[in-house]
Amino acid sequence: WYRQAPGKDQEGISCINNSGDETLYADSVKGRFTIFRDNAQNTVYLQ
C-alpha cells in the first residue's frame, strides 16, 4: 500500500508477502495500520 498527499512524495506505508505471514510498516503508520489478506477472496486489506 502506498500513499501520496498533494505536494509530497509517494510513501510506501505497508506491504505483505504472498502467504501473509510477513508484513512491514512505515514508522508513520506503525501501531495504527494493519495489513492482511484473504487469498480466498483475492483481496488485500489495510485497516
ModelCIF file with pLDDT and N, C-alpha, C, O atoms, coordinates in Angstrom:
data_MODEL
#
_entry.id   MODEL 
#
_entity.id                         1 
_entity.type                       polymer 
_entity.pdbx_number_of_molecules   1 
#
_entity_poly.entity_id                      1 
_entity_poly.type                           'polypeptide(L)' 
_entity_poly.nstd_linkage                   no 
_entity_poly.nstd_monomer                   no 
_entity_poly.pdbx_seq_one_letter_code       WYRQAPGKDQEGISCINNSGDETLYADSVKGRFTIFRDNAQNTVYLQ 
_entity_poly.pdbx_seq_one_letter_code_can   WYRQAPGKDQEGISCINNSGDETLYADSVKGRFTIFRDNAQNTVYLQ 
_entity_poly.pdbx_strand_id                 A 
#
loop_
_entity_poly_seq.entity_id 
_entity_poly_seq.num 
_entity_poly_seq.mon_id 
_entity_poly_seq.hetero 
1 1  TRP n 
1 2  TYR n 
1 3  ARG n 
1 4  GLN n 
1 5  ALA n 
1 6  PRO n 
1 7  GLY n 
1 8  LYS n 
1 9  ASP n 
1 10 GLN n 
1 11 GLU n 
1 12 GLY n 
1 13 ILE n 
1 14 SER n 
1 15 CYS n 
1 16 ILE n 
1 17 ASN n 
1 18 ASN n 
1 19 SER n 
1 20 GLY n 
1 21 ASP n 
1 22 GLU n 
1 23 THR n 
1 24 LEU n 
1 25 TYR n 
1 26 ALA n 
1 27 ASP n 
1 28 SER n 
1 29 VAL n 
1 30 LYS n 
1 31 GLY n 
1 32 ARG n 
1 33 PHE n 
1 34 THR n 
1 35 ILE n 
1 36 PHE n 
1 37 ARG n 
1 38 ASP n 
1 39 ASN n 
1 40 ALA n 
1 41 GLN n 
1 42 ASN n 
1 43 THR n 
1 44 VAL n 
1 45 TYR n 
1 46 LEU n 
1 47 GLN n 
#
_struct_asym.id          A 
_struct_asym.entity_id   1 
#
loop_
_ma_qa_metric.id 
_ma_qa_metric.mode 
_ma_qa_metric.name 
_ma_qa_metric.software_group_id 
_ma_qa_metric.type 
1 global pLDDT . pLDDT 
2 local  pLDDT . pLDDT 
#
_ma_qa_metric_global.metric_id      1 
_ma_qa_metric_global.metric_value   96.64 
_ma_qa_metric_global.model_id       1 
_ma_qa_metric_global.ordinal_id     1 
#
loop_
_ma_qa_metric_local.label_asym_id 
_ma_qa_metric_local.label_comp_id 
_ma_qa_metric_local.label_seq_id 
_ma_qa_metric_local.metric_id 
_ma_qa_metric_local.metric_value 
_ma_qa_metric_local.model_id 
_ma_qa_metric_local.ordinal_id 
A TRP 1  2 98.00 1 1  
A TYR 2  2 98.00 1 2  
A ARG 3  2 98.00 1 3  
A GLN 4  2 97.00 1 4  
A ALA 5  2 96.00 1 5  
A PRO 6  2 91.00 1 6  
A GLY 7  2 93.00 1 7  
A LYS 8  2 94.00 1 8  
A ASP 9  2 94.00 1 9  
A GLN 10 2 93.00 1 10 
A GLU 11 2 95.00 1 11 
A GLY 12 2 97.00 1 12 
A ILE 13 2 97.00 1 13 
A SER 14 2 98.00 1 14 
A CYS 15 2 98.00 1 15 
A ILE 16 2 98.00 1 16 
A ASN 17 2 97.00 1 17 
A ASN 18 2 96.00 1 18 
A SER 19 2 95.00 1 19 
A GLY 20 2 95.00 1 20 
A ASP 21 2 95.00 1 21 
A GLU 22 2 97.00 1 22 
A THR 23 2 97.00 1 23 
A LEU 24 2 98.00 1 24 
A TYR 25 2 97.00 1 25 
A ALA 26 2 97.00 1 26 
A ASP 27 2 96.00 1 27 
A SER 28 2 96.00 1 28 
A VAL 29 2 98.00 1 29 
A LYS 30 2 98.00 1 30 
A GLY 31 2 98.00 1 31 
A ARG 32 2 98.00 1 32 
A PHE 33 2 98.00 1 33 
A THR 34 2 98.00 1 34 
A ILE 35 2 98.00 1 35 
A PHE 36 2 98.00 1 36 
A ARG 37 2 98.00 1 37 
A ASP 38 2 97.00 1 38 
A ASN 39 2 94.00 1 39 
A ALA 40 2 95.00 1 40 
A GLN 41 2 96.00 1 41 
A ASN 42 2 97.00 1 42 
A THR 43 2 98.00 1 43 
A VAL 44 2 98.00 1 44 
A TYR 45 2 98.00 1 45 
A LEU 46 2 98.00 1 46 
A GLN 47 2 98.00 1 47 
#
loop_
_atom_site.group_PDB 
_atom_site.id 
_atom_site.type_symbol 
_atom_site.label_atom_id 
_atom_site.label_alt_id 
_atom_site.label_comp_id 
_atom_site.label_asym_id 
_atom_site.label_entity_id 
_atom_site.label_seq_id 
_atom_site.pdbx_PDB_ins_code 
_atom_site.Cartn_x 
_atom_site.Cartn_y 
_atom_site.Cartn_z 
_atom_site.occupancy 
_atom_site.B_iso_or_equiv 
_atom_site.pdbx_formal_charge 
_atom_site.auth_seq_id 
_atom_site.auth_comp_id 
_atom_site.auth_asym_id 
_atom_site.auth_atom_id 
_atom_site.pdbx_PDB_model_num 
ATOM 1   N N  . TRP A 1 1  ? 0.853   -1.188  0.000  1.00 98.00 ? 1  TRP A N  1 
ATOM 2   C CA . TRP A 1 1  ? 0.000   0.000   0.000  1.00 98.00 ? 1  TRP A CA 1 
ATOM 3   C C  . TRP A 1 1  ? 0.889   1.237   0.000  1.00 98.00 ? 1  TRP A C  1 
ATOM 4   O O  . TRP A 1 1  ? 1.871   1.313   0.738  1.00 98.00 ? 1  TRP A O  1 
ATOM 5   N N  . TYR A 1 2  ? 0.531   2.194   -0.830 1.00 98.00 ? 2  TYR A N  1 
ATOM 6   C CA . TYR A 1 2  ? 1.301   3.416   -0.995 1.00 98.00 ? 2  TYR A CA 1 
ATOM 7   C C  . TYR A 1 2  ? 0.341   4.596   -0.912 1.00 98.00 ? 2  TYR A C  1 
ATOM 8   O O  . TYR A 1 2  ? -0.847  4.471   -1.207 1.00 98.00 ? 2  TYR A O  1 
ATOM 9   N N  . ARG A 1 3  ? 0.875   5.736   -0.506 1.00 98.00 ? 3  ARG A N  1 
ATOM 10  C CA . ARG A 1 3  ? 0.016   6.911   -0.462 1.00 98.00 ? 3  ARG A CA 1 
ATOM 11  C C  . ARG A 1 3  ? 0.775   8.129   -0.944 1.00 98.00 ? 3  ARG A C  1 
ATOM 12  O O  . ARG A 1 3  ? 1.999   8.211   -0.837 1.00 98.00 ? 3  ARG A O  1 
ATOM 13  N N  . GLN A 1 4  ? 0.026   9.059   -1.469 1.00 97.00 ? 4  GLN A N  1 
ATOM 14  C CA . GLN A 1 4  ? 0.625   10.312  -1.920 1.00 97.00 ? 4  GLN A CA 1 
ATOM 15  C C  . GLN A 1 4  ? -0.303  11.455  -1.583 1.00 97.00 ? 4  GLN A C  1 
ATOM 16  O O  . GLN A 1 4  ? -1.458  11.489  -2.007 1.00 97.00 ? 4  GLN A O  1 
ATOM 17  N N  . ALA A 1 5  ? 0.221   12.390  -0.814 1.00 96.00 ? 5  ALA A N  1 
ATOM 18  C CA . ALA A 1 5  ? -0.515  13.597  -0.472 1.00 96.00 ? 5  ALA A CA 1 
ATOM 19  C C  . ALA A 1 5  ? -0.096  14.712  -1.422 1.00 96.00 ? 5  ALA A C  1 
ATOM 20  O O  . ALA A 1 5  ? 1.000   14.665  -1.980 1.00 96.00 ? 5  ALA A O  1 
ATOM 21  N N  . PRO A 1 6  ? -0.944  15.705  -1.613 1.00 91.00 ? 6  PRO A N  1 
ATOM 22  C CA . PRO A 1 6  ? -0.592  16.810  -2.513 1.00 91.00 ? 6  PRO A CA 1 
ATOM 23  C C  . PRO A 1 6  ? 0.719   17.469  -2.113 1.00 91.00 ? 6  PRO A C  1 
ATOM 24  O O  . PRO A 1 6  ? 0.917   17.840  -0.956 1.00 91.00 ? 6  PRO A O  1 
ATOM 25  N N  . GLY A 1 7  ? 1.608   17.608  -3.084 1.00 93.00 ? 7  GLY A N  1 
ATOM 26  C CA . GLY A 1 7  ? 2.870   18.278  -2.827 1.00 93.00 ? 7  GLY A CA 1 
ATOM 27  C C  . GLY A 1 7  ? 3.909   17.445  -2.114 1.00 93.00 ? 7  GLY A C  1 
ATOM 28  O O  . GLY A 1 7  ? 4.983   17.943  -1.778 1.00 93.00 ? 7  GLY A O  1 
ATOM 29  N N  . LYS A 1 8  ? 3.600   16.172  -1.875 1.00 94.00 ? 8  LYS A N  1 
ATOM 30  C CA . LYS A 1 8  ? 4.539   15.300  -1.168 1.00 94.00 ? 8  LYS A CA 1 
ATOM 31  C C  . LYS A 1 8  ? 4.915   14.099  -2.033 1.00 94.00 ? 8  LYS A C  1 
ATOM 32  O O  . LYS A 1 8  ? 4.203   13.739  -2.971 1.00 94.00 ? 8  LYS A O  1 
ATOM 33  N N  . ASP A 1 9  ? 6.040   13.494  -1.697 1.00 94.00 ? 9  ASP A N  1 
ATOM 34  C CA . ASP A 1 9  ? 6.467   12.298  -2.402 1.00 94.00 ? 9  ASP A CA 1 
ATOM 35  C C  . ASP A 1 9  ? 5.589   11.114  -2.029 1.00 94.00 ? 9  ASP A C  1 
ATOM 36  O O  . ASP A 1 9  ? 4.985   11.075  -0.957 1.00 94.00 ? 9  ASP A O  1 
ATOM 37  N N  . GLN A 1 10 ? 5.535   10.159  -2.933 1.00 93.00 ? 10 GLN A N  1 
ATOM 38  C CA . GLN A 1 10 ? 4.807   8.936   -2.623 1.00 93.00 ? 10 GLN A CA 1 
ATOM 39  C C  . GLN A 1 10 ? 5.505   8.189   -1.501 1.00 93.00 ? 10 GLN A C  1 
ATOM 40  O O  . GLN A 1 10 ? 6.733   8.145   -1.435 1.00 93.00 ? 10 GLN A O  1 
ATOM 41  N N  . GLU A 1 11 ? 4.713   7.606   -0.627 1.00 95.00 ? 11 GLU A N  1 
ATOM 42  C CA . GLU A 1 11 ? 5.242   6.905   0.556  1.00 95.00 ? 11 GLU A CA 1 
ATOM 43  C C  . GLU A 1 11 ? 4.723   5.472   0.562  1.00 95.00 ? 11 GLU A C  1 
ATOM 44  O O  . GLU A 1 11 ? 3.516   5.239   0.490  1.00 95.00 ? 11 GLU A O  1 
ATOM 45  N N  . GLY A 1 12 ? 5.637   4.523   0.649  1.00 97.00 ? 12 GLY A N  1 
ATOM 46  C CA . GLY A 1 12 ? 5.239   3.141   0.852  1.00 97.00 ? 12 GLY A CA 1 
ATOM 47  C C  . GLY A 1 12 ? 4.941   2.926   2.313  1.00 97.00 ? 12 GLY A C  1 
ATOM 48  O O  . GLY A 1 12 ? 5.833   3.086   3.147  1.00 97.00 ? 12 GLY A O  1 
ATOM 49  N N  . ILE A 1 13 ? 3.718   2.570   2.655  1.00 97.00 ? 13 ILE A N  1 
ATOM 50  C CA . ILE A 1 13 ? 3.348   2.542   4.057  1.00 97.00 ? 13 ILE A CA 1 
ATOM 51  C C  . ILE A 1 13 ? 3.223   1.147   4.634  1.00 97.00 ? 13 ILE A C  1 
ATOM 52  O O  . ILE A 1 13 ? 3.391   0.966   5.840  1.00 97.00 ? 13 ILE A O  1 
ATOM 53  N N  . SER A 1 14 ? 2.931   0.149   3.799  1.00 98.00 ? 14 SER A N  1 
ATOM 54  C CA . SER A 1 14 ? 2.805   -1.199  4.327  1.00 98.00 ? 14 SER A CA 1 
ATOM 55  C C  . SER A 1 14 ? 2.860   -2.200  3.185  1.00 98.00 ? 14 SER A C  1 
ATOM 56  O O  . SER A 1 14 ? 2.487   -1.894  2.053  1.00 98.00 ? 14 SER A O  1 
ATOM 57  N N  . CYS A 1 15 ? 3.328   -3.393  3.498  1.00 98.00 ? 15 CYS A N  1 
ATOM 58  C CA . CYS A 1 15 ? 3.356   -4.439  2.482  1.00 98.00 ? 15 CYS A CA 1 
ATOM 59  C C  . CYS A 1 15 ? 3.261   -5.812  3.156  1.00 98.00 ? 15 CYS A C  1 
ATOM 60  O O  . CYS A 1 15 ? 3.506   -5.962  4.353  1.00 98.00 ? 15 CYS A O  1 
ATOM 61  N N  . ILE A 1 16 ? 2.902   -6.788  2.353  1.00 98.00 ? 16 ILE A N  1 
ATOM 62  C CA . ILE A 1 16 ? 2.679   -8.135  2.865  1.00 98.00 ? 16 ILE A CA 1 
ATOM 63  C C  . ILE A 1 16 ? 3.148   -9.139  1.818  1.00 98.00 ? 16 ILE A C  1 
ATOM 64  O O  . ILE A 1 16 ? 2.986   -8.911  0.620  1.00 98.00 ? 16 ILE A O  1 
ATOM 65  N N  . ASN A 1 17 ? 3.720   -10.234 2.263  1.00 97.00 ? 17 ASN A N  1 
ATOM 66  C CA . ASN A 1 17 ? 4.176   -11.221 1.297  1.00 97.00 ? 17 ASN A CA 1 
ATOM 67  C C  . ASN A 1 17 ? 3.007   -12.073 0.803  1.00 97.00 ? 17 ASN A C  1 
ATOM 68  O O  . ASN A 1 17 ? 1.877   -11.910 1.263  1.00 97.00 ? 17 ASN A O  1 
ATOM 69  N N  . ASN A 1 18 ? 3.277   -12.965 -0.117 1.00 96.00 ? 18 ASN A N  1 
ATOM 70  C CA . ASN A 1 18 ? 2.191   -13.693 -0.765 1.00 96.00 ? 18 ASN A CA 1 
ATOM 71  C C  . ASN A 1 18 ? 1.423   -14.604 0.206  1.00 96.00 ? 18 ASN A C  1 
ATOM 72  O O  . ASN A 1 18 ? 0.215   -14.783 0.052  1.00 96.00 ? 18 ASN A O  1 
ATOM 73  N N  . SER A 1 19 ? 2.090   -15.162 1.173  1.00 95.00 ? 19 SER A N  1 
ATOM 74  C CA . SER A 1 19 ? 1.409   -16.065 2.104  1.00 95.00 ? 19 SER A CA 1 
ATOM 75  C C  . SER A 1 19 ? 0.774   -15.333 3.277  1.00 95.00 ? 19 SER A C  1 
ATOM 76  O O  . SER A 1 19 ? -0.036  -15.901 4.009  1.00 95.00 ? 19 SER A O  1 
ATOM 77  N N  . GLY A 1 20 ? 1.143   -14.077 3.449  1.00 95.00 ? 20 GLY A N  1 
ATOM 78  C CA . GLY A 1 20 ? 0.540   -13.283 4.505  1.00 95.00 ? 20 GLY A CA 1 
ATOM 79  C C  . GLY A 1 20 ? 1.199   -13.383 5.859  1.00 95.00 ? 20 GLY A C  1 
ATOM 80  O O  . GLY A 1 20 ? 0.686   -12.836 6.835  1.00 95.00 ? 20 GLY A O  1 
ATOM 81  N N  . ASP A 1 21 ? 2.323   -14.068 5.944  1.00 95.00 ? 21 ASP A N  1 
ATOM 82  C CA . ASP A 1 21 ? 2.968   -14.235 7.248  1.00 95.00 ? 21 ASP A CA 1 
ATOM 83  C C  . ASP A 1 21 ? 4.119   -13.257 7.487  1.00 95.00 ? 21 ASP A C  1 
ATOM 84  O O  . ASP A 1 21 ? 4.781   -13.321 8.523  1.00 95.00 ? 21 ASP A O  1 
ATOM 85  N N  . GLU A 1 22 ? 4.355   -12.370 6.550  1.00 97.00 ? 22 GLU A N  1 
ATOM 86  C CA . GLU A 1 22 ? 5.359   -11.326 6.734  1.00 97.00 ? 22 GLU A CA 1 
ATOM 87  C C  . GLU A 1 22 ? 4.763   -9.980  6.324  1.00 97.00 ? 22 GLU A C  1 
ATOM 88  O O  . GLU A 1 22 ? 4.168   -9.835  5.256  1.00 97.00 ? 22 GLU A O  1 
ATOM 89  N N  . THR A 1 23 ? 4.941   -9.016  7.200  1.00 97.00 ? 23 THR A N  1 
ATOM 90  C CA . THR A 1 23 ? 4.428   -7.679  6.936  1.00 97.00 ? 23 THR A CA 1 
ATOM 91  C C  . THR A 1 23 ? 5.460   -6.633  7.332  1.00 97.00 ? 23 THR A C  1 
ATOM 92  O O  . THR A 1 23 ? 6.337   -6.889  8.157  1.00 97.00 ? 23 THR A O  1 
ATOM 93  N N  . LEU A 1 24 ? 5.345   -5.471  6.745  1.00 98.00 ? 24 LEU A N  1 
ATOM 94  C CA . LEU A 1 24 ? 6.183   -4.325  7.079  1.00 98.00 ? 24 LEU A CA 1 
ATOM 95  C C  . LEU A 1 24 ? 5.305   -3.081  7.160  1.00 98.00 ? 24 LEU A C  1 
ATOM 96  O O  . LEU A 1 24 ? 4.279   -2.971  6.489  1.00 98.00 ? 24 LEU A O  1 
ATOM 97  N N  . TYR A 1 25 ? 5.745   -2.144  8.008  1.00 97.00 ? 25 TYR A N  1 
ATOM 98  C CA . TYR A 1 25 ? 5.024   -0.888  8.140  1.00 97.00 ? 25 TYR A CA 1 
ATOM 99  C C  . TYR A 1 25 ? 6.017   0.263   8.192  1.00 97.00 ? 25 TYR A C  1 
ATOM 100 O O  . TYR A 1 25 ? 7.095   0.150   8.776  1.00 97.00 ? 25 TYR A O  1 
ATOM 101 N N  . ALA A 1 26 ? 5.636   1.361   7.575  1.00 97.00 ? 26 ALA A N  1 
ATOM 102 C CA . ALA A 1 26 ? 6.416   2.582   7.745  1.00 97.00 ? 26 ALA A CA 1 
ATOM 103 C C  . ALA A 1 26 ? 6.233   3.093   9.168  1.00 97.00 ? 26 ALA A C  1 
ATOM 104 O O  . ALA A 1 26 ? 5.209   2.844   9.804  1.00 97.00 ? 26 ALA A O  1 
ATOM 105 N N  . ASP A 1 27 ? 7.225   3.800   9.651  1.00 96.00 ? 27 ASP A N  1 
ATOM 106 C CA . ASP A 1 27 ? 7.146   4.321   11.016 1.00 96.00 ? 27 ASP A CA 1 
ATOM 107 C C  . ASP A 1 27 ? 5.926   5.224   11.207 1.00 96.00 ? 27 ASP A C  1 
ATOM 108 O O  . ASP A 1 27 ? 5.359   5.301   12.296 1.00 96.00 ? 27 ASP A O  1 
ATOM 109 N N  . SER A 1 28 ? 5.541   5.896   10.138 1.00 96.00 ? 28 SER A N  1 
ATOM 110 C CA . SER A 1 28 ? 4.437   6.856   10.227 1.00 96.00 ? 28 SER A CA 1 
ATOM 111 C C  . SER A 1 28 ? 3.090   6.193   10.520 1.00 96.00 ? 28 SER A C  1 
ATOM 112 O O  . SER A 1 28 ? 2.158   6.859   10.972 1.00 96.00 ? 28 SER A O  1 
ATOM 113 N N  . VAL A 1 29 ? 2.982   4.883   10.266 1.00 98.00 ? 29 VAL A N  1 
ATOM 114 C CA . VAL A 1 29 ? 1.695   4.200   10.464 1.00 98.00 ? 29 VAL A CA 1 
ATOM 115 C C  . VAL A 1 29 ? 1.791   3.022   11.413 1.00 98.00 ? 29 VAL A C  1 
ATOM 116 O O  . VAL A 1 29 ? 0.775   2.409   11.742 1.00 98.00 ? 29 VAL A O  1 
ATOM 117 N N  . LYS A 1 30 ? 2.983   2.697   11.854 1.00 98.00 ? 30 LYS A N  1 
ATOM 118 C CA . LYS A 1 30 ? 3.186   1.529   12.706 1.00 98.00 ? 30 LYS A CA 1 
ATOM 119 C C  . LYS A 1 30 ? 2.370   1.667   13.984 1.00 98.00 ? 30 LYS A C  1 
ATOM 120 O O  . LYS A 1 30 ? 2.376   2.714   14.632 1.00 98.00 ? 30 LYS A O  1 
ATOM 121 N N  . GLY A 1 31 ? 1.677   0.606   14.330 1.00 98.00 ? 31 GLY A N  1 
ATOM 122 C CA . GLY A 1 31 ? 0.844   0.601   15.519 1.00 98.00 ? 31 GLY A CA 1 
ATOM 123 C C  . GLY A 1 31 ? -0.566  1.114   15.295 1.00 98.00 ? 31 GLY A C  1 
ATOM 124 O O  . GLY A 1 31 ? -1.430  0.958   16.158 1.00 98.00 ? 31 GLY A O  1 
ATOM 125 N N  . ARG A 1 32 ? -0.808  1.728   14.138 1.00 98.00 ? 32 ARG A N  1 
ATOM 126 C CA . ARG A 1 32 ? -2.152  2.244   13.826 1.00 98.00 ? 32 ARG A CA 1 
ATOM 127 C C  . ARG A 1 32 ? -2.793  1.523   12.640 1.00 98.00 ? 32 ARG A C  1 
ATOM 128 O O  . ARG A 1 32 ? -4.014  1.371   12.591 1.00 98.00 ? 32 ARG A O  1 
ATOM 129 N N  . PHE A 1 33 ? -1.984  1.087   11.699 1.00 98.00 ? 33 PHE A N  1 
ATOM 130 C CA . PHE A 1 33 ? -2.486  0.422   10.493 1.00 98.00 ? 33 PHE A CA 1 
ATOM 131 C C  . PHE A 1 33 ? -2.127  -1.067  10.554 1.00 98.00 ? 33 PHE A C  1 
ATOM 132 O O  . PHE A 1 33 ? -1.099  -1.456  11.108 1.00 98.00 ? 33 PHE A O  1 
ATOM 133 N N  . THR A 1 34 ? -3.008  -1.885  9.966  1.00 98.00 ? 34 THR A N  1 
ATOM 134 C CA . THR A 1 34 ? -2.764  -3.328  9.888  1.00 98.00 ? 34 THR A CA 1 
ATOM 135 C C  . THR A 1 34 ? -3.069  -3.808  8.482  1.00 98.00 ? 34 THR A C  1 
ATOM 136 O O  . THR A 1 34 ? -4.153  -3.561  7.953  1.00 98.00 ? 34 THR A O  1 
ATOM 137 N N  . ILE A 1 35 ? -2.116  -4.491  7.885  1.00 98.00 ? 35 ILE A N  1 
ATOM 138 C CA . ILE A 1 35 ? -2.317  -5.067  6.559  1.00 98.00 ? 35 ILE A CA 1 
ATOM 139 C C  . ILE A 1 35 ? -2.569  -6.558  6.731  1.00 98.00 ? 35 ILE A C  1 
ATOM 140 O O  . ILE A 1 35 ? -1.910  -7.224  7.529  1.00 98.00 ? 35 ILE A O  1 
ATOM 141 N N  . PHE A 1 36 ? -3.525  -7.067  5.975  1.00 98.00 ? 36 PHE A N  1 
ATOM 142 C CA . PHE A 1 36 ? -3.779  -8.501  5.995  1.00 98.00 ? 36 PHE A CA 1 
ATOM 143 C C  . PHE A 1 36 ? -4.422  -8.891  4.675  1.00 98.00 ? 36 PHE A C  1 
ATOM 144 O O  . PHE A 1 36 ? -4.854  -8.044  3.893  1.00 98.00 ? 36 PHE A O  1 
ATOM 145 N N  . ARG A 1 37 ? -4.472  -10.195 4.450  1.00 98.00 ? 37 ARG A N  1 
ATOM 146 C CA . ARG A 1 37 ? -5.003  -10.629 3.162  1.00 98.00 ? 37 ARG A CA 1 
ATOM 147 C C  . ARG A 1 37 ? -5.913  -11.834 3.322  1.00 98.00 ? 37 ARG A C  1 
ATOM 148 O O  . ARG A 1 37 ? -5.776  -12.627 4.254  1.00 98.00 ? 37 ARG A O  1 
ATOM 149 N N  . ASP A 1 38 ? -6.831  -11.945 2.403  1.00 97.00 ? 38 ASP A N  1 
ATOM 150 C CA . ASP A 1 38 ? -7.703  -13.102 2.303  1.00 97.00 ? 38 ASP A CA 1 
ATOM 151 C C  . ASP A 1 38 ? -7.535  -13.629 0.884  1.00 97.00 ? 38 ASP A C  1 
ATOM 152 O O  . ASP A 1 38 ? -8.191  -13.158 -0.044 1.00 97.00 ? 38 ASP A O  1 
ATOM 153 N N  . ASN A 1 39 ? -6.672  -14.587 0.728  1.00 94.00 ? 39 ASN A N  1 
ATOM 154 C CA . ASN A 1 39 ? -6.372  -15.080 -0.617 1.00 94.00 ? 39 ASN A CA 1 
ATOM 155 C C  . ASN A 1 39 ? -7.563  -15.798 -1.236 1.00 94.00 ? 39 ASN A C  1 
ATOM 156 O O  . ASN A 1 39 ? -7.663  -15.882 -2.460 1.00 94.00 ? 39 ASN A O  1 
ATOM 157 N N  . ALA A 1 40 ? -8.457  -16.309 -0.419 1.00 95.00 ? 40 ALA A N  1 
ATOM 158 C CA . ALA A 1 40 ? -9.665  -16.924 -0.965 1.00 95.00 ? 40 ALA A CA 1 
ATOM 159 C C  . ALA A 1 40 ? -10.557 -15.879 -1.639 1.00 95.00 ? 40 ALA A C  1 
ATOM 160 O O  . ALA A 1 40 ? -11.287 -16.176 -2.584 1.00 95.00 ? 40 ALA A O  1 
ATOM 161 N N  . GLN A 1 41 ? -10.478 -14.644 -1.123 1.00 96.00 ? 41 GLN A N  1 
ATOM 162 C CA . GLN A 1 41 ? -11.249 -13.542 -1.691 1.00 96.00 ? 41 GLN A CA 1 
ATOM 163 C C  . GLN A 1 41 ? -10.437 -12.734 -2.699 1.00 96.00 ? 41 GLN A C  1 
ATOM 164 O O  . GLN A 1 41 ? -10.933 -11.771 -3.285 1.00 96.00 ? 41 GLN A O  1 
ATOM 165 N N  . ASN A 1 42 ? -9.176  -13.141 -2.891 1.00 97.00 ? 42 ASN A N  1 
ATOM 166 C CA . ASN A 1 42 ? -8.315  -12.441 -3.853 1.00 97.00 ? 42 ASN A CA 1 
ATOM 167 C C  . ASN A 1 42 ? -8.178  -10.958 -3.497 1.00 97.00 ? 42 ASN A C  1 
ATOM 168 O O  . ASN A 1 42 ? -8.154  -10.094 -4.374 1.00 97.00 ? 42 ASN A O  1 
ATOM 169 N N  . THR A 1 43 ? -8.089  -10.686 -2.203 1.00 98.00 ? 43 THR A N  1 
ATOM 170 C CA . THR A 1 43 ? -8.114  -9.308  -1.722 1.00 98.00 ? 43 THR A CA 1 
ATOM 171 C C  . THR A 1 43 ? -7.096  -9.104  -0.599 1.00 98.00 ? 43 THR A C  1 
ATOM 172 O O  . THR A 1 43 ? -6.872  -9.982  0.234  1.00 98.00 ? 43 THR A O  1 
ATOM 173 N N  . VAL A 1 44 ? -6.494  -7.925  -0.606 1.00 98.00 ? 44 VAL A N  1 
ATOM 174 C CA . VAL A 1 44 ? -5.639  -7.471  0.487  1.00 98.00 ? 44 VAL A CA 1 
ATOM 175 C C  . VAL A 1 44 ? -6.301  -6.254  1.117  1.00 98.00 ? 44 VAL A C  1 
ATOM 176 O O  . VAL A 1 44 ? -6.880  -5.416  0.426  1.00 98.00 ? 44 VAL A O  1 
ATOM 177 N N  . TYR A 1 45 ? -6.205  -6.172  2.429  1.00 98.00 ? 45 TYR A N  1 
ATOM 178 C CA . TYR A 1 45 ? -6.873  -5.102  3.168  1.00 98.00 ? 45 TYR A CA 1 
ATOM 179 C C  . TYR A 1 45 ? -5.861  -4.244  3.923  1.00 98.00 ? 45 TYR A C  1 
ATOM 180 O O  . TYR A 1 45 ? -4.763  -4.694  4.250  1.00 98.00 ? 45 TYR A O  1 
ATOM 181 N N  . LEU A 1 46 ? -6.247  -3.027  4.185  1.00 98.00 ? 46 LEU A N  1 
ATOM 182 C CA . LEU A 1 46 ? -5.473  -2.147  5.057  1.00 98.00 ? 46 LEU A CA 1 
ATOM 183 C C  . LEU A 1 46 ? -6.440  -1.551  6.068  1.00 98.00 ? 46 LEU A C  1 
ATOM 184 O O  . LEU A 1 46 ? -7.239  -0.676  5.733  1.00 98.00 ? 46 LEU A O  1 
ATOM 185 N N  . GLN A 1 47 ? -6.365  -2.024  7.302  1.00 98.00 ? 47 GLN A N  1 
ATOM 186 C CA . GLN A 1 47 ? -7.175  -1.480  8.387  1.00 98.00 ? 47 GLN A CA 1 
ATOM 187 C C  . GLN A 1 47 ? -6.446  -0.273  8.965  1.00 98.00 ? 47 GLN A C  1 
ATOM 188 O O  . GLN A 1 47 ? -6.940  0.357   9.900  1.00 98.00 ? 47 GLN A O  1 
#
